[in-house]
Amino acid sequence: MRVEGFTERNLQLAGWEIVLTTYRLGDLYHCKADNAAPGATLARTSAPSKEEAEEKAIRRAEELLLRTKRRSASKP
C-alpha cells in the first residue's frame, strides 16, 4: 500500500495551536492531531472519508485541550 493525499494544516483549537495531519492508506483515511508547541499527539483516528476522520480527531483533541490547565510562566 502507498500513502495518498497527505495533507498537514495548522488550526487554533480551544486556544491552542494544533497540527492536523491527514492521509489515505488503502480504503481508510487516517488523521492525527498534535499540539504544535511540544508536538504531543492528542488523537489518532481512522474513517472511510477524510472529513469524518478529521472531524473525529478535532473533536477528541478539543475534549482533551479543554481539560488542560494553562500555567503562567513564573519569573525568576
PDB file of N, CA and C in Angstrom:
ATOM      1  N   MET A   1       0.836  -1.191   0.000  1.00  0.00           N
ATOM      2  CA  MET A   1       0.000   0.000   0.000  1.00  0.00           C
ATOM      3  C   MET A   1       0.875   1.246   0.000  1.00  0.00           C
ATOM      4  N   ARG A   2       0.293   2.309  -0.536  1.00  0.00           N
ATOM      5  CA  ARG A   2       1.013   3.565  -0.647  1.00  0.00           C
ATOM      6  C   ARG A   2       0.164   4.685  -0.037  1.00  0.00           C
ATOM      7  N   VAL A   3       0.812   5.578   0.673  1.00  0.00           N
ATOM      8  CA  VAL A   3       0.120   6.732   1.261  1.00  0.00           C
ATOM      9  C   VAL A   3      -0.276   7.688   0.139  1.00  0.00           C
ATOM     10  N   GLU A   4      -1.520   8.158   0.183  1.00  0.00           N
ATOM     11  CA  GLU A   4      -2.014   9.108  -0.814  1.00  0.00           C
ATOM     12  C   GLU A   4      -2.700  10.270  -0.117  1.00  0.00           C
ATOM     13  N   GLY A   5      -2.738  11.403  -0.778  1.00  0.00           N
ATOM     14  CA  GLY A   5      -3.494  12.559  -0.286  1.00  0.00           C
ATOM     15  C   GLY A   5      -2.989  13.112   1.037  1.00  0.00           C
ATOM     16  N   PHE A   6      -1.695  13.098   1.261  1.00  0.00           N
ATOM     17  CA  PHE A   6      -1.122  13.579   2.528  1.00  0.00           C
ATOM     18  C   PHE A   6      -1.307  15.090   2.635  1.00  0.00           C
ATOM     19  N   THR A   7      -1.921  15.540   3.734  1.00  0.00           N
ATOM     20  CA  THR A   7      -2.066  16.981   3.992  1.00  0.00           C
ATOM     21  C   THR A   7      -1.734  17.267   5.447  1.00  0.00           C
ATOM     22  N   GLU A   8      -1.253  18.476   5.671  1.00  0.00           N
ATOM     23  CA  GLU A   8      -0.930  18.925   7.019  1.00  0.00           C
ATOM     24  C   GLU A   8      -1.371  20.379   7.112  1.00  0.00           C
ATOM     25  N   ARG A   9      -2.108  20.716   8.173  1.00  0.00           N
ATOM     26  CA  ARG A   9      -2.546  22.097   8.342  1.00  0.00           C
ATOM     27  C   ARG A   9      -2.577  22.468   9.810  1.00  0.00           C
ATOM     28  N   ASN A  10      -2.379  23.756  10.073  1.00  0.00           N
ATOM     29  CA  ASN A  10      -2.405  24.273  11.442  1.00  0.00           C
ATOM     30  C   ASN A  10      -3.782  24.844  11.735  1.00  0.00           C
ATOM     31  N   LEU A  11      -4.251  24.613  12.953  1.00  0.00           N
ATOM     32  CA  LEU A  11      -5.555  25.114  13.406  1.00  0.00           C
ATOM     33  C   LEU A  11      -5.427  25.689  14.799  1.00  0.00           C
ATOM     34  N   GLN A  12      -6.301  26.610  15.138  1.00  0.00           N
ATOM     35  CA  GLN A  12      -6.453  27.069  16.521  1.00  0.00           C
ATOM     36  C   GLN A  12      -7.637  26.307  17.090  1.00  0.00           C
ATOM     37  N   LEU A  13      -7.426  25.673  18.231  1.00  0.00           N
ATOM     38  CA  LEU A  13      -8.468  24.854  18.839  1.00  0.00           C
ATOM     39  C   LEU A  13      -8.412  25.036  20.346  1.00  0.00           C
ATOM     40  N   ALA A  14      -9.482  25.547  20.920  1.00  0.00           N
ATOM     41  CA  ALA A  14      -9.566  25.761  22.368  1.00  0.00           C
ATOM     42  C   ALA A  14      -8.402  26.604  22.886  1.00  0.00           C
ATOM     43  N   GLY A  15      -7.960  27.568  22.070  1.00  0.00           N
ATOM     44  CA  GLY A  15      -6.872  28.446  22.483  1.00  0.00           C
ATOM     45  C   GLY A  15      -5.478  27.884  22.268  1.00  0.00           C
ATOM     46  N   TRP A  16      -5.363  26.741  21.635  1.00  0.00           N
ATOM     47  CA  TRP A  16      -4.076  26.095  21.386  1.00  0.00           C
ATOM     48  C   TRP A  16      -3.869  25.950  19.884  1.00  0.00           C
ATOM     49  N   GLU A  17      -2.620  25.962  19.457  1.00  0.00           N
ATOM     50  CA  GLU A  17      -2.323  25.683  18.060  1.00  0.00           C
ATOM     51  C   GLU A  17      -2.091  24.185  17.916  1.00  0.00           C
ATOM     52  N   ILE A  18      -2.789  23.577  16.961  1.00  0.00           N
ATOM     53  CA  ILE A  18      -2.598  22.148  16.702  1.00  0.00           C
ATOM     54  C   ILE A  18      -2.245  21.949  15.232  1.00  0.00           C
ATOM     55  N   VAL A  19      -1.622  20.821  14.963  1.00  0.00           N
ATOM     56  CA  VAL A  19      -1.307  20.422  13.599  1.00  0.00           C
ATOM     57  C   VAL A  19      -2.160  19.197  13.299  1.00  0.00           C
ATOM     58  N   LEU A  20      -2.914  19.271  12.205  1.00  0.00           N
ATOM     59  CA  LEU A  20      -3.781  18.182  11.781  1.00  0.00           C
ATOM     60  C   LEU A  20      -3.148  17.541  10.543  1.00  0.00           C
ATOM     61  N   THR A  21      -2.787  16.269  10.651  1.00  0.00           N
ATOM     62  CA  THR A  21      -2.157  15.534   9.556  1.00  0.00           C
ATOM     63  C   THR A  21      -3.130  14.465   9.084  1.00  0.00           C
ATOM     64  N   THR A  22      -3.421  14.460   7.778  1.00  0.00           N
ATOM     65  CA  THR A  22      -4.389  13.517   7.215  1.00  0.00           C
ATOM     66  C   THR A  22      -3.797  12.855   5.978  1.00  0.00           C
ATOM     67  N   TYR A  23      -4.081  11.558   5.816  1.00  0.00           N
ATOM     68  CA  TYR A  23      -3.638  10.830   4.631  1.00  0.00           C
ATOM     69  C   TYR A  23      -4.523   9.616   4.419  1.00  0.00           C
ATOM     70  N   ARG A  24      -4.500   9.108   3.203  1.00  0.00           N
ATOM     71  CA  ARG A  24      -5.269   7.903   2.886  1.00  0.00           C
ATOM     72  C   ARG A  24      -4.320   6.738   2.706  1.00  0.00           C
ATOM     73  N   LEU A  25      -4.684   5.628   3.311  1.00  0.00           N
ATOM     74  CA  LEU A  25      -3.922   4.397   3.188  1.00  0.00           C
ATOM     75  C   LEU A  25      -4.942   3.298   2.883  1.00  0.00           C
ATOM     76  N   GLY A  26      -4.922   2.791   1.673  1.00  0.00           N
ATOM     77  CA  GLY A  26      -5.932   1.808   1.273  1.00  0.00           C
ATOM     78  C   GLY A  26      -7.303   2.472   1.180  1.00  0.00           C
ATOM     79  N   ASP A  27      -8.280   1.887   1.841  1.00  0.00           N
ATOM     80  CA  ASP A  27      -9.654   2.397   1.801  1.00  0.00           C
ATOM     81  C   ASP A  27      -9.970   3.361   2.936  1.00  0.00           C
ATOM     82  N   LEU A  28      -9.036   3.583   3.849  1.00  0.00           N
ATOM     83  CA  LEU A  28      -9.307   4.424   5.011  1.00  0.00           C
ATOM     84  C   LEU A  28      -8.459   5.694   5.015  1.00  0.00           C
ATOM     85  N   TYR A  29      -9.064   6.749   5.557  1.00  0.00           N
ATOM     86  CA  TYR A  29      -8.324   7.984   5.830  1.00  0.00           C
ATOM     87  C   TYR A  29      -7.892   7.954   7.287  1.00  0.00           C
ATOM     88  N   HIS A  30      -6.682   8.379   7.545  1.00  0.00           N
ATOM     89  CA  HIS A  30      -6.138   8.433   8.893  1.00  0.00           C
ATOM     90  C   HIS A  30      -5.830   9.889   9.215  1.00  0.00           C
ATOM     91  N   CYS A  31      -6.084  10.268  10.459  1.00  0.00           N
ATOM     92  CA  CYS A  31      -5.854  11.650  10.858  1.00  0.00           C
ATOM     93  C   CYS A  31      -5.199  11.662  12.236  1.00  0.00           C
ATOM     94  N   LYS A  32      -4.229  12.552  12.392  1.00  0.00           N
ATOM     95  CA  LYS A  32      -3.540  12.719  13.671  1.00  0.00           C
ATOM     96  C   LYS A  32      -3.583  14.192  14.037  1.00  0.00           C
ATOM     97  N   ALA A  33      -3.982  14.484  15.267  1.00  0.00           N
ATOM     98  CA  ALA A  33      -3.973  15.851  15.786  1.00  0.00           C
ATOM     99  C   ALA A  33      -2.905  15.920  16.861  1.00  0.00           C
ATOM    100  N   ASP A  34      -1.995  16.893  16.727  1.00  0.00           N
ATOM    101  CA  ASP A  34      -0.980  17.049  17.770  1.00  0.00           C
ATOM    102  C   ASP A  34      -0.816  18.507  18.138  1.00  0.00           C
ATOM    103  N   ASN A  35      -0.386  18.713  19.369  1.00  0.00           N
ATOM    104  CA  ASN A  35      -0.152  20.049  19.893  1.00  0.00           C
ATOM    105  C   ASN A  35       1.117  20.575  19.244  1.00  0.00           C
ATOM    106  N   ALA A  36       1.019  21.698  18.563  1.00  0.00           N
ATOM    107  CA  ALA A  36       2.150  22.212  17.782  1.00  0.00           C
ATOM    108  C   ALA A  36       3.364  22.559  18.642  1.00  0.00           C
ATOM    109  N   ALA A  37       3.151  23.111  19.838  1.00  0.00           N
ATOM    110  CA  ALA A  37       4.279  23.557  20.661  1.00  0.00           C
ATOM    111  C   ALA A  37       5.157  22.387  21.122  1.00  0.00           C
ATOM    112  N   PRO A  38       4.640  21.446  21.922  1.00  0.00           N
ATOM    113  CA  PRO A  38       5.514  20.346  22.330  1.00  0.00           C
ATOM    114  C   PRO A  38       5.493  19.171  21.352  1.00  0.00           C
ATOM    115  N   GLY A  39       4.536  19.164  20.417  1.00  0.00           N
ATOM    116  CA  GLY A  39       4.456  18.066  19.457  1.00  0.00           C
ATOM    117  C   GLY A  39       3.836  16.803  20.004  1.00  0.00           C
ATOM    118  N   ALA A  40       3.062  16.905  21.057  1.00  0.00           N
ATOM    119  CA  ALA A  40       2.429  15.738  21.673  1.00  0.00           C
ATOM    120  C   ALA A  40       1.184  15.325  20.891  1.00  0.00           C
ATOM    121  N   THR A  41       1.059  14.045  20.582  1.00  0.00           N
ATOM    122  CA  THR A  41      -0.107  13.548  19.871  1.00  0.00           C
ATOM    123  C   THR A  41      -1.320  13.584  20.786  1.00  0.00           C
ATOM    124  N   LEU A  42      -2.394  14.182  20.296  1.00  0.00           N
ATOM    125  CA  LEU A  42      -3.637  14.282  21.052  1.00  0.00           C
ATOM    126  C   LEU A  42      -4.649  13.229  20.616  1.00  0.00           C
ATOM    127  N   ALA A  43      -4.705  12.947  19.320  1.00  0.00           N
ATOM    128  CA  ALA A  43      -5.698  11.995  18.820  1.00  0.00           C
ATOM    129  C   ALA A  43      -5.221  11.378  17.521  1.00  0.00           C
ATOM    130  N   ARG A  44      -5.589  10.117  17.327  1.00  0.00           N
ATOM    131  CA  ARG A  44      -5.371   9.406  16.062  1.00  0.00           C
ATOM    132  C   ARG A  44      -6.696   8.750  15.719  1.00  0.00           C
ATOM    133  N   THR A  45      -7.180   8.987  14.506  1.00  0.00           N
ATOM    134  CA  THR A  45      -8.469   8.427  14.102  1.00  0.00           C
ATOM    135  C   THR A  45      -8.383   7.871  12.686  1.00  0.00           C
ATOM    136  N   SER A  46      -9.364   7.035  12.349  1.00  0.00           N
ATOM    137  CA  SER A  46      -9.499   6.481  11.004  1.00  0.00           C
ATOM    138  C   SER A  46     -10.975   6.488  10.643  1.00  0.00           C
ATOM    139  N   ALA A  47     -11.257   6.683   9.349  1.00  0.00           N
ATOM    140  CA  ALA A  47     -12.640   6.693   8.872  1.00  0.00           C
ATOM    141  C   ALA A  47     -12.640   6.512   7.358  1.00  0.00           C
ATOM    142  N   PRO A  48     -13.804   6.160   6.804  1.00  0.00           N
ATOM    143  CA  PRO A  48     -13.896   5.979   5.353  1.00  0.00           C
ATOM    144  C   PRO A  48     -13.737   7.274   4.549  1.00  0.00           C
ATOM    145  N   SER A  49     -14.017   8.430   5.172  1.00  0.00           N
ATOM    146  CA  SER A  49     -13.875   9.700   4.457  1.00  0.00           C
ATOM    147  C   SER A  49     -12.908  10.622   5.204  1.00  0.00           C
ATOM    148  N   LYS A  50     -12.280  11.516   4.448  1.00  0.00           N
ATOM    149  CA  LYS A  50     -11.328  12.470   5.022  1.00  0.00           C
ATOM    150  C   LYS A  50     -12.028  13.370   6.034  1.00  0.00           C
ATOM    151  N   GLU A  51     -13.198  13.853   5.678  1.00  0.00           N
ATOM    152  CA  GLU A  51     -13.942  14.765   6.551  1.00  0.00           C
ATOM    153  C   GLU A  51     -14.290  14.107   7.885  1.00  0.00           C
ATOM    154  N   GLU A  52     -14.727  12.863   7.828  1.00  0.00           N
ATOM    155  CA  GLU A  52     -15.091  12.149   9.057  1.00  0.00           C
ATOM    156  C   GLU A  52     -13.865  11.893   9.937  1.00  0.00           C
ATOM    157  N   ALA A  53     -12.751  11.503   9.342  1.00  0.00           N
ATOM    158  CA  ALA A  53     -11.524  11.257  10.108  1.00  0.00           C
ATOM    159  C   ALA A  53     -11.058  12.545  10.787  1.00  0.00           C
ATOM    160  N   GLU A  54     -11.083  13.667  10.049  1.00  0.00           N
ATOM    161  CA  GLU A  54     -10.666  14.941  10.634  1.00  0.00           C
ATOM    162  C   GLU A  54     -11.628  15.405  11.713  1.00  0.00           C
ATOM    163  N   GLU A  55     -12.911  15.248  11.481  1.00  0.00           N
ATOM    164  CA  GLU A  55     -13.911  15.657  12.476  1.00  0.00           C
ATOM    165  C   GLU A  55     -13.723  14.895  13.789  1.00  0.00           C
ATOM    166  N   LYS A  56     -13.491  13.590  13.694  1.00  0.00           N
ATOM    167  CA  LYS A  56     -13.287  12.778  14.897  1.00  0.00           C
ATOM    168  C   LYS A  56     -12.022  13.199  15.640  1.00  0.00           C
ATOM    169  N   ALA A  57     -10.944  13.461  14.910  1.00  0.00           N
ATOM    170  CA  ALA A  57      -9.684  13.861  15.542  1.00  0.00           C
ATOM    171  C   ALA A  57      -9.820  15.235  16.206  1.00  0.00           C
ATOM    172  N   ILE A  58     -10.480  16.161  15.525  1.00  0.00           N
ATOM    173  CA  ILE A  58     -10.679  17.503  16.084  1.00  0.00           C
ATOM    174  C   ILE A  58     -11.537  17.442  17.329  1.00  0.00           C
ATOM    175  N   ARG A  59     -12.600  16.676  17.286  1.00  0.00           N
ATOM    176  CA  ARG A  59     -13.497  16.551  18.446  1.00  0.00           C
ATOM    177  C   ARG A  59     -12.753  15.988  19.660  1.00  0.00           C
ATOM    178  N   ARG A  60     -11.964  14.940  19.456  1.00  0.00           N
ATOM    179  CA  ARG A  60     -11.216  14.323  20.562  1.00  0.00           C
ATOM    180  C   ARG A  60     -10.138  15.266  21.096  1.00  0.00           C
ATOM    181  N   ALA A  61      -9.419  15.923  20.196  1.00  0.00           N
ATOM    182  CA  ALA A  61      -8.372  16.859  20.619  1.00  0.00           C
ATOM    183  C   ALA A  61      -8.979  18.002  21.416  1.00  0.00           C
ATOM    184  N   GLU A  62     -10.119  18.503  20.969  1.00  0.00           N
ATOM    185  CA  GLU A  62     -10.767  19.604  21.686  1.00  0.00           C
ATOM    186  C   GLU A  62     -11.196  19.177  23.086  1.00  0.00           C
ATOM    187  N   GLU A  63     -11.711  17.957  23.220  1.00  0.00           N
ATOM    188  CA  GLU A  63     -12.076  17.436  24.546  1.00  0.00           C
ATOM    189  C   GLU A  63     -10.867  17.475  25.481  1.00  0.00           C
ATOM    190  N   LEU A  64      -9.734  17.018  24.997  1.00  0.00           N
ATOM    191  CA  LEU A  64      -8.526  16.979  25.827  1.00  0.00           C
ATOM    192  C   LEU A  64      -7.999  18.375  26.138  1.00  0.00           C
ATOM    193  N   LEU A  65      -7.986  19.250  25.149  1.00  0.00           N
ATOM    194  CA  LEU A  65      -7.441  20.595  25.351  1.00  0.00           C
ATOM    195  C   LEU A  65      -8.311  21.433  26.280  1.00  0.00           C
ATOM    196  N   LEU A  66      -9.609  21.232  26.246  1.00  0.00           N
ATOM    197  CA  LEU A  66     -10.490  21.981  27.144  1.00  0.00           C
ATOM    198  C   LEU A  66     -10.268  21.601  28.603  1.00  0.00           C
ATOM    199  N   ARG A  67      -9.757  20.398  28.840  1.00  0.00           N
ATOM    200  CA  ARG A  67      -9.461  19.953  30.211  1.00  0.00           C
ATOM    201  C   ARG A  67      -8.070  20.362  30.674  1.00  0.00           C
ATOM    202  N   THR A  68      -7.253  20.861  29.752  1.00  0.00           N
ATOM    203  CA  THR A  68      -5.872  21.222  30.073  1.00  0.00           C
ATOM    204  C   THR A  68      -5.815  22.601  30.716  1.00  0.00           C
ATOM    205  N   LYS A  69      -5.139  22.682  31.841  1.00  0.00           N
ATOM    206  CA  LYS A  69      -4.990  23.956  32.538  1.00  0.00           C
ATOM    207  C   LYS A  69      -3.687  24.602  32.102  1.00  0.00           C
ATOM    208  N   ARG A  70      -3.772  25.883  31.829  1.00  0.00           N
ATOM    209  CA  ARG A  70      -2.566  26.636  31.469  1.00  0.00           C
ATOM    210  C   ARG A  70      -1.967  27.239  32.740  1.00  0.00           C
ATOM    211  N   ARG A  71      -0.679  27.194  32.815  1.00  0.00           N
ATOM    212  CA  ARG A  71       0.020  27.815  33.946  1.00  0.00           C
ATOM    213  C   ARG A  71       0.771  29.023  33.432  1.00  0.00           C
ATOM    214  N   SER A  72       0.758  30.074  34.209  1.00  0.00           N
ATOM    215  CA  SER A  72       1.502  31.266  33.798  1.00  0.00           C
ATOM    216  C   SER A  72       2.994  31.005  34.052  1.00  0.00           C
ATOM    217  N   ALA A  73       3.804  31.567  33.213  1.00  0.00           N
ATOM    218  CA  ALA A  73       5.246  31.392  33.354  1.00  0.00           C
ATOM    219  C   ALA A  73       5.716  32.155  34.589  1.00  0.00           C
ATOM    220  N   SER A  74       6.450  31.473  35.436  1.00  0.00           N
ATOM    221  CA  SER A  74       6.972  32.127  36.629  1.00  0.00           C
ATOM    222  C   SER A  74       8.241  32.899  36.286  1.00  0.00           C
ATOM    223  N   LYS A  75       8.369  34.049  36.854  1.00  0.00           N
ATOM    224  CA  LYS A  75       9.545  34.887  36.584  1.00  0.00           C
ATOM    225  C   LYS A  75      10.519  34.762  37.747  1.00  0.00           C
ATOM    226  N   PRO A  76      11.794  34.551  37.428  1.00  0.00           N
ATOM    227  CA  PRO A  76      12.801  34.394  38.496  1.00  0.00           C
ATOM    228  C   PRO A  76      13.098  35.680  39.213  1.00  0.00           C
TER     229      PRO A  76
END
